Amino acid sequence: MMWYGHGFGYGLIATVIGLLTTVIVVVIILRIVDRTSRDISPQRSTPDEVLADRYARGEITDEEYRHRASVLRDQEQSIR
């Protein structure tokens, strides 16, 4: 591209600016997507937390809660 006899002129500068703009936009989009995917992923609850939640909602009785909690403690101790 010869413009007015000055070599490449603004064509090279425009190409570099266009590429930099594209790279910046892609990086911003990837960061946004990565951030939202981390927010969406559910946090894993421990068995004790699940048991306590079920008890708090009234899904299990006092007796069931105590029995299941003792089973979980026994399993935890046997693993160690």
PDB file of N, CA and C in Angstrom:
ATOM      1  N   MET A   1       0.824  -1.166   0.000  1.00  0.00           N
ATOM      2  CA  MET A   1       0.000   0.000   0.000  1.00  0.00           C
ATOM      3  C   MET A   1       0.881   1.247   0.000  1.00  0.00           C
ATOM      4  N   MET A   2       0.852   1.916  -1.007  1.00  0.00           N
ATOM      5  CA  MET A   2       1.639   3.137  -1.098  1.00  0.00           C
ATOM      6  C   MET A   2       0.680   4.310  -1.106  1.00  0.00           C
ATOM      7  N   TRP A   3       0.741   5.096  -0.076  1.00  0.00           N
ATOM      8  CA  TRP A   3      -0.102   6.286  -0.011  1.00  0.00           C
ATOM      9  C   TRP A   3       0.783   7.521  -0.087  1.00  0.00           C
ATOM     10  N   TYR A   4       0.607   8.232  -1.062  1.00  0.00           N
ATOM     11  CA  TYR A   4       1.331   9.479  -1.250  1.00  0.00           C
ATOM     12  C   TYR A   4       2.838   9.296  -1.166  1.00  0.00           C
ATOM     13  N   GLY A   5       3.300   8.097  -1.524  1.00  0.00           N
ATOM     14  CA  GLY A   5       4.733   7.866  -1.571  1.00  0.00           C
ATOM     15  C   GLY A   5       5.401   7.742  -0.212  1.00  0.00           C
ATOM     16  N   HIS A   6       4.650   7.458   0.860  1.00  0.00           N
ATOM     17  CA  HIS A   6       5.235   7.351   2.198  1.00  0.00           C
ATOM     18  C   HIS A   6       5.260   5.915   2.710  1.00  0.00           C
ATOM     19  N   GLY A   7       5.453   4.942   1.907  1.00  0.00           N
ATOM     20  CA  GLY A   7       5.525   3.555   2.354  1.00  0.00           C
ATOM     21  C   GLY A   7       4.168   3.028   2.770  1.00  0.00           C
ATOM     22  N   PHE A   8       4.125   2.361   3.911  1.00  0.00           N
ATOM     23  CA  PHE A   8       2.877   1.759   4.384  1.00  0.00           C
ATOM     24  C   PHE A   8       1.898   2.794   4.941  1.00  0.00           C
ATOM     25  N   GLY A   9       2.387   3.886   5.371  1.00  0.00           N
ATOM     26  CA  GLY A   9       1.510   4.930   5.876  1.00  0.00           C
ATOM     27  C   GLY A   9       0.774   4.506   7.125  1.00  0.00           C
ATOM     28  N   TYR A  10      -0.495   4.822   7.184  1.00  0.00           N
ATOM     29  CA  TYR A  10      -1.292   4.530   8.375  1.00  0.00           C
ATOM     30  C   TYR A  10      -1.867   3.112   8.371  1.00  0.00           C
ATOM     31  N   GLY A  11      -1.686   2.391   7.305  1.00  0.00           N
ATOM     32  CA  GLY A  11      -2.223   1.033   7.219  1.00  0.00           C
ATOM     33  C   GLY A  11      -1.647   0.111   8.280  1.00  0.00           C
ATOM     34  N   LEU A  12      -0.351   0.173   8.487  1.00  0.00           N
ATOM     35  CA  LEU A  12       0.301  -0.664   9.487  1.00  0.00           C
ATOM     36  C   LEU A  12      -0.129  -0.252  10.891  1.00  0.00           C
ATOM     37  N   ILE A  13      -0.200   1.028  11.142  1.00  0.00           N
ATOM     38  CA  ILE A  13      -0.610   1.514  12.458  1.00  0.00           C
ATOM     39  C   ILE A  13      -2.053   1.104  12.741  1.00  0.00           C
ATOM     40  N   ALA A  14      -2.922   1.234  11.751  1.00  0.00           N
ATOM     41  CA  ALA A  14      -4.328   0.853  11.920  1.00  0.00           C
ATOM     42  C   ALA A  14      -4.454  -0.646  12.187  1.00  0.00           C
ATOM     43  N   THR A  15      -3.639  -1.458  11.521  1.00  0.00           N
ATOM     44  CA  THR A  15      -3.668  -2.904  11.734  1.00  0.00           C
ATOM     45  C   THR A  15      -3.243  -3.254  13.156  1.00  0.00           C
ATOM     46  N   VAL A  16      -2.186  -2.642  13.642  1.00  0.00           N
ATOM     47  CA  VAL A  16      -1.703  -2.905  15.006  1.00  0.00           C
ATOM     48  C   VAL A  16      -2.747  -2.467  16.024  1.00  0.00           C
ATOM     49  N   ILE A  17      -3.329  -1.297  15.844  1.00  0.00           N
ATOM     50  CA  ILE A  17      -4.351  -0.816  16.771  1.00  0.00           C
ATOM     51  C   ILE A  17      -5.570  -1.741  16.740  1.00  0.00           C
ATOM     52  N   GLY A  18      -5.956  -2.199  15.570  1.00  0.00           N
ATOM     53  CA  GLY A  18      -7.084  -3.131  15.449  1.00  0.00           C
ATOM     54  C   GLY A  18      -6.813  -4.444  16.157  1.00  0.00           C
ATOM     55  N   LEU A  19      -5.617  -4.990  15.996  1.00  0.00           N
ATOM     56  CA  LEU A  19      -5.255  -6.241  16.665  1.00  0.00           C
ATOM     57  C   LEU A  19      -5.232  -6.067  18.182  1.00  0.00           C
ATOM     58  N   LEU A  20      -4.655  -4.976  18.662  1.00  0.00           N
ATOM     59  CA  LEU A  20      -4.614  -4.728  20.102  1.00  0.00           C
ATOM     60  C   LEU A  20      -6.022  -4.582  20.672  1.00  0.00           C
ATOM     61  N   THR A  21      -6.872  -3.886  19.952  1.00  0.00           N
ATOM     62  CA  THR A  21      -8.254  -3.725  20.405  1.00  0.00           C
ATOM     63  C   THR A  21      -8.955  -5.072  20.482  1.00  0.00           C
ATOM     64  N   THR A  22      -8.766  -5.900  19.478  1.00  0.00           N
ATOM     65  CA  THR A  22      -9.378  -7.227  19.464  1.00  0.00           C
ATOM     66  C   THR A  22      -8.879  -8.071  20.629  1.00  0.00           C
ATOM     67  N   VAL A  23      -7.587  -8.062  20.880  1.00  0.00           N
ATOM     68  CA  VAL A  23      -7.018  -8.842  21.979  1.00  0.00           C
ATOM     69  C   VAL A  23      -7.570  -8.350  23.312  1.00  0.00           C
ATOM     70  N   ILE A  24      -7.644  -7.047  23.498  1.00  0.00           N
ATOM     71  CA  ILE A  24      -8.166  -6.500  24.752  1.00  0.00           C
ATOM     72  C   ILE A  24      -9.614  -6.900  24.961  1.00  0.00           C
ATOM     73  N   VAL A  25     -10.428  -6.819  23.916  1.00  0.00           N
ATOM     74  CA  VAL A  25     -11.845  -7.191  24.026  1.00  0.00           C
ATOM     75  C   VAL A  25     -11.981  -8.675  24.375  1.00  0.00           C
ATOM     76  N   VAL A  26     -11.193  -9.531  23.734  1.00  0.00           N
ATOM     77  CA  VAL A  26     -11.253 -10.972  24.010  1.00  0.00           C
ATOM     78  C   VAL A  26     -10.848 -11.257  25.454  1.00  0.00           C
ATOM     79  N   VAL A  27      -9.803 -10.607  25.946  1.00  0.00           N
ATOM     80  CA  VAL A  27      -9.348 -10.811  27.325  1.00  0.00           C
ATOM     81  C   VAL A  27     -10.439 -10.383  28.304  1.00  0.00           C
ATOM     82  N   ILE A  28     -11.069  -9.252  28.055  1.00  0.00           N
ATOM     83  CA  ILE A  28     -12.143  -8.776  28.941  1.00  0.00           C
ATOM     84  C   ILE A  28     -13.303  -9.766  28.956  1.00  0.00           C
ATOM     85  N   ILE A  29     -13.699 -10.255  27.799  1.00  0.00           N
ATOM     86  CA  ILE A  29     -14.801 -11.223  27.723  1.00  0.00           C
ATOM     87  C   ILE A  29     -14.445 -12.500  28.471  1.00  0.00           C
ATOM     88  N   LEU A  30     -13.228 -13.002  28.287  1.00  0.00           N
ATOM     89  CA  LEU A  30     -12.816 -14.233  28.971  1.00  0.00           C
ATOM     90  C   LEU A  30     -12.804 -14.046  30.490  1.00  0.00           C
ATOM     91  N   ARG A  31     -12.378 -12.899  30.961  1.00  0.00           N
ATOM     92  CA  ARG A  31     -12.383 -12.652  32.410  1.00  0.00           C
ATOM     93  C   ARG A  31     -13.799 -12.601  32.960  1.00  0.00           C
ATOM     94  N   ILE A  32     -14.702 -11.983  32.227  1.00  0.00           N
ATOM     95  CA  ILE A  32     -16.097 -11.912  32.678  1.00  0.00           C
ATOM     96  C   ILE A  32     -16.706 -13.298  32.728  1.00  0.00           C
ATOM     97  N   VAL A  33     -16.483 -14.095  31.694  1.00  0.00           N
ATOM     98  CA  VAL A  33     -17.037 -15.450  31.654  1.00  0.00           C
ATOM     99  C   VAL A  33     -16.450 -16.295  32.771  1.00  0.00           C
ATOM    100  N   ASP A  34     -15.150 -16.192  33.011  1.00  0.00           N
ATOM    101  CA  ASP A  34     -14.505 -16.966  34.069  1.00  0.00           C
ATOM    102  C   ASP A  34     -15.045 -16.572  35.437  1.00  0.00           C
ATOM    103  N   ARG A  35     -15.223 -15.300  35.659  1.00  0.00           N
ATOM    104  CA  ARG A  35     -15.724 -14.814  36.946  1.00  0.00           C
ATOM    105  C   ARG A  35     -17.152 -15.296  37.197  1.00  0.00           C
ATOM    106  N   THR A  36     -18.002 -15.251  36.179  1.00  0.00           N
ATOM    107  CA  THR A  36     -19.383 -15.681  36.370  1.00  0.00           C
ATOM    108  C   THR A  36     -19.474 -17.187  36.530  1.00  0.00           C
ATOM    109  N   SER A  37     -18.589 -17.936  35.895  1.00  0.00           N
ATOM    110  CA  SER A  37     -18.646 -19.392  36.053  1.00  0.00           C
ATOM    111  C   SER A  37     -18.256 -19.804  37.462  1.00  0.00           C
ATOM    112  N   ARG A  38     -17.375 -19.049  38.106  1.00  0.00           N
ATOM    113  CA  ARG A  38     -17.013 -19.351  39.487  1.00  0.00           C
ATOM    114  C   ARG A  38     -18.160 -19.021  40.430  1.00  0.00           C
ATOM    115  N   ASP A  39     -18.904 -17.976  40.138  1.00  0.00           N
ATOM    116  CA  ASP A  39     -20.021 -17.587  40.981  1.00  0.00           C
ATOM    117  C   ASP A  39     -21.169 -18.574  40.888  1.00  0.00           C
ATOM    118  N   ILE A  40     -21.324 -19.212  39.752  1.00  0.00           N
ATOM    119  CA  ILE A  40     -22.441 -20.128  39.529  1.00  0.00           C
ATOM    120  C   ILE A  40     -22.195 -21.485  40.179  1.00  0.00           C
ATOM    121  N   SER A  41     -20.951 -21.908  40.241  1.00  0.00           N
ATOM    122  CA  SER A  41     -20.661 -23.239  40.753  1.00  0.00           C
ATOM    123  C   SER A  41     -21.099 -23.365  42.211  1.00  0.00           C
ATOM    124  N   PRO A  42     -21.847 -24.418  42.511  1.00  0.00           N
ATOM    125  CA  PRO A  42     -22.346 -24.574  43.881  1.00  0.00           C
ATOM    126  C   PRO A  42     -21.215 -24.956  44.839  1.00  0.00           C
ATOM    127  N   GLN A  43     -21.352 -24.499  46.063  1.00  0.00           N
ATOM    128  CA  GLN A  43     -20.369 -24.878  47.063  1.00  0.00           C
ATOM    129  C   GLN A  43     -20.762 -26.233  47.638  1.00  0.00           C
ATOM    130  N   ARG A  44     -19.786 -27.061  47.840  1.00  0.00           N
ATOM    131  CA  ARG A  44     -20.049 -28.399  48.360  1.00  0.00           C
ATOM    132  C   ARG A  44     -20.194 -28.337  49.870  1.00  0.00           C
ATOM    133  N   SER A  45     -21.222 -28.988  50.363  1.00  0.00           N
ATOM    134  CA  SER A  45     -21.461 -29.041  51.800  1.00  0.00           C
ATOM    135  C   SER A  45     -20.890 -30.333  52.362  1.00  0.00           C
ATOM    136  N   THR A  46     -20.453 -30.263  53.601  1.00  0.00           N
ATOM    137  CA  THR A  46     -19.973 -31.465  54.266  1.00  0.00           C
ATOM    138  C   THR A  46     -21.188 -32.285  54.696  1.00  0.00           C
ATOM    139  N   PRO A  47     -21.015 -33.564  54.951  1.00  0.00           N
ATOM    140  CA  PRO A  47     -22.131 -34.387  55.419  1.00  0.00           C
ATOM    141  C   PRO A  47     -22.764 -33.848  56.700  1.00  0.00           C
ATOM    142  N   ASP A  48     -21.927 -33.312  57.595  1.00  0.00           N
ATOM    143  CA  ASP A  48     -22.464 -32.727  58.837  1.00  0.00           C
ATOM    144  C   ASP A  48     -23.375 -31.546  58.543  1.00  0.00           C
ATOM    145  N   GLU A  49     -22.977 -30.708  57.589  1.00  0.00           N
ATOM    146  CA  GLU A  49     -23.793 -29.550  57.230  1.00  0.00           C
ATOM    147  C   GLU A  49     -25.118 -29.965  56.602  1.00  0.00           C
ATOM    148  N   VAL A  50     -25.073 -30.969  55.743  1.00  0.00           N
ATOM    149  CA  VAL A  50     -26.297 -31.469  55.117  1.00  0.00           C
ATOM    150  C   VAL A  50     -27.234 -32.020  56.188  1.00  0.00           C
ATOM    151  N   LEU A  51     -26.689 -32.784  57.125  1.00  0.00           N
ATOM    152  CA  LEU A  51     -27.491 -33.355  58.203  1.00  0.00           C
ATOM    153  C   LEU A  51     -28.115 -32.250  59.061  1.00  0.00           C
ATOM    154  N   ALA A  52     -27.317 -31.239  59.413  1.00  0.00           N
ATOM    155  CA  ALA A  52     -27.821 -30.125  60.221  1.00  0.00           C
ATOM    156  C   ALA A  52     -28.913 -29.350  59.474  1.00  0.00           C
ATOM    157  N   ASP A  53     -28.739 -29.165  58.172  1.00  0.00           N
ATOM    158  CA  ASP A  53     -29.759 -28.476  57.375  1.00  0.00           C
ATOM    159  C   ASP A  53     -31.065 -29.259  57.346  1.00  0.00           C
ATOM    160  N   ARG A  54     -30.958 -30.563  57.160  1.00  0.00           N
ATOM    161  CA  ARG A  54     -32.174 -31.394  57.136  1.00  0.00           C
ATOM    162  C   ARG A  54     -32.883 -31.359  58.479  1.00  0.00           C
ATOM    163  N   TYR A  55     -32.109 -31.367  59.569  1.00  0.00           N
ATOM    164  CA  TYR A  55     -32.693 -31.292  60.904  1.00  0.00           C
ATOM    165  C   TYR A  55     -33.368 -29.939  61.116  1.00  0.00           C
ATOM    166  N   ALA A  56     -32.713 -28.872  60.670  1.00  0.00           N
ATOM    167  CA  ALA A  56     -33.263 -27.524  60.841  1.00  0.00           C
ATOM    168  C   ALA A  56     -34.566 -27.348  60.053  1.00  0.00           C
ATOM    169  N   ARG A  57     -34.664 -28.003  58.907  1.00  0.00           N
ATOM    170  CA  ARG A  57     -35.892 -27.911  58.111  1.00  0.00           C
ATOM    171  C   ARG A  57     -36.993 -28.827  58.629  1.00  0.00           C
ATOM    172  N   GLY A  58     -36.661 -29.674  59.596  1.00  0.00           N
ATOM    173  CA  GLY A  58     -37.655 -30.576  60.163  1.00  0.00           C
ATOM    174  C   GLY A  58     -37.861 -31.851  59.361  1.00  0.00           C
ATOM    175  N   GLU A  59     -36.931 -32.165  58.491  1.00  0.00           N
ATOM    176  CA  GLU A  59     -37.049 -33.366  57.665  1.00  0.00           C
ATOM    177  C   GLU A  59     -36.743 -34.634  58.460  1.00  0.00           C
ATOM    178  N   ILE A  60     -35.952 -34.523  59.516  1.00  0.00           N
ATOM    179  CA  ILE A  60     -35.621 -35.684  60.338  1.00  0.00           C
ATOM    180  C   ILE A  60     -35.882 -35.337  61.808  1.00  0.00           C
ATOM    181  N   THR A  61     -36.111 -36.364  62.596  1.00  0.00           N
ATOM    182  CA  THR A  61     -36.409 -36.174  64.020  1.00  0.00           C
ATOM    183  C   THR A  61     -35.128 -36.023  64.825  1.00  0.00           C
ATOM    184  N   ASP A  62     -35.301 -35.689  66.114  1.00  0.00           N
ATOM    185  CA  ASP A  62     -34.149 -35.575  67.011  1.00  0.00           C
ATOM    186  C   ASP A  62     -33.377 -36.889  67.068  1.00  0.00           C
ATOM    187  N   GLU A  63     -34.129 -37.972  67.203  1.00  0.00           N
ATOM    188  CA  GLU A  63     -33.501 -39.290  67.317  1.00  0.00           C
ATOM    189  C   GLU A  63     -32.712 -39.629  66.050  1.00  0.00           C
ATOM    190  N   GLU A  64     -33.315 -39.373  64.882  1.00  0.00           N
ATOM    191  CA  GLU A  64     -32.617 -39.638  63.618  1.00  0.00           C
ATOM    192  C   GLU A  64     -31.353 -38.798  63.509  1.00  0.00           C
ATOM    193  N   TYR A  65     -31.476 -37.534  63.894  1.00  0.00           N
ATOM    194  CA  TYR A  65     -30.326 -36.630  63.816  1.00  0.00           C
ATOM    195  C   TYR A  65     -29.174 -37.150  64.680  1.00  0.00           C
ATOM    196  N   ARG A  66     -29.466 -37.489  65.923  1.00  0.00           N
ATOM    197  CA  ARG A  66     -28.412 -37.977  66.824  1.00  0.00           C
ATOM    198  C   ARG A  66     -27.779 -39.261  66.293  1.00  0.00           C
ATOM    199  N   HIS A  67     -28.627 -40.175  65.810  1.00  0.00           N
ATOM    200  CA  HIS A  67     -28.111 -41.449  65.290  1.00  0.00           C
ATOM    201  C   HIS A  67     -27.201 -41.214  64.076  1.00  0.00           C
ATOM    202  N   ARG A  68     -27.680 -40.427  63.142  1.00  0.00           N
ATOM    203  CA  ARG A  68     -26.893 -40.194  61.925  1.00  0.00           C
ATOM    204  C   ARG A  68     -25.611 -39.404  62.233  1.00  0.00           C
ATOM    205  N   ALA A  69     -25.679 -38.470  63.171  1.00  0.00           N
ATOM    206  CA  ALA A  69     -24.484 -37.711  63.555  1.00  0.00           C
ATOM    207  C   ALA A  69     -23.449 -38.632  64.183  1.00  0.00           C
ATOM    208  N   SER A  70     -23.912 -39.569  65.008  1.00  0.00           N
ATOM    209  CA  SER A  70     -22.956 -40.504  65.630  1.00  0.00           C
ATOM    210  C   SER A  70     -22.348 -41.426  64.571  1.00  0.00           C
ATOM    211  N   VAL A  71     -23.139 -41.836  63.591  1.00  0.00           N
ATOM    212  CA  VAL A  71     -22.605 -42.673  62.505  1.00  0.00           C
ATOM    213  C   VAL A  71     -21.539 -41.898  61.727  1.00  0.00           C
ATOM    214  N   LEU A  72     -21.819 -40.638  61.433  1.00  0.00           N
ATOM    215  CA  LEU A  72     -20.829 -39.828  60.715  1.00  0.00           C
ATOM    216  C   LEU A  72     -19.548 -39.667  61.530  1.00  0.00           C
ATOM    217  N   ARG A  73     -19.671 -39.430  62.826  1.00  0.00           N
ATOM    218  CA  ARG A  73     -18.475 -39.293  63.677  1.00  0.00           C
ATOM    219  C   ARG A  73     -17.684 -40.597  63.703  1.00  0.00           C
ATOM    220  N   ASP A  74     -18.395 -41.731  63.800  1.00  0.00           N
ATOM    221  CA  ASP A  74     -17.708 -43.036  63.814  1.00  0.00           C
ATOM    222  C   ASP A  74     -16.963 -43.264  62.504  1.00  0.00           C
ATOM    223  N   GLN A  75     -17.591 -42.920  61.390  1.00  0.00           N
ATOM    224  CA  GLN A  75     -16.936 -43.092  60.095  1.00  0.00           C
ATOM    225  C   GLN A  75     -15.721 -42.187  59.977  1.00  0.00           C
ATOM    226  N   GLU A  76     -15.857 -40.960  60.469  1.00  0.00           N
ATOM    227  CA  GLU A  76     -14.759 -40.019  60.414  1.00  0.00           C
ATOM    228  C   GLU A  76     -13.571 -40.502  61.241  1.00  0.00           C
ATOM    229  N   GLN A  77     -13.851 -41.065  62.405  1.00  0.00           N
ATOM    230  CA  GLN A  77     -12.778 -41.573  63.265  1.00  0.00           C
ATOM    231  C   GLN A  77     -12.122 -42.807  62.674  1.00  0.00           C
ATOM    232  N   SER A  78     -12.895 -43.647  62.009  1.00  0.00           N
ATOM    233  CA  SER A  78     -12.314 -44.865  61.420  1.00  0.00           C
ATOM    234  C   SER A  78     -11.432 -44.544  60.209  1.00  0.00           C
ATOM    235  N   ILE A  79     -11.690 -43.426  59.564  1.00  0.00           N
ATOM    236  CA  ILE A  79     -10.866 -43.037  58.418  1.00  0.00           C
ATOM    237  C   ILE A  79      -9.499 -42.565  58.889  1.00  0.00           C
ATOM    238  N   ARG A  80      -9.458 -41.885  60.012  1.00  0.00           N
ATOM    239  CA  ARG A  80      -8.185 -41.357  60.520  1.00  0.00           C
ATOM    240  C   ARG A  80      -7.363 -42.421  61.070  1.00  0.00           C
TER     241      ARG A  80
END
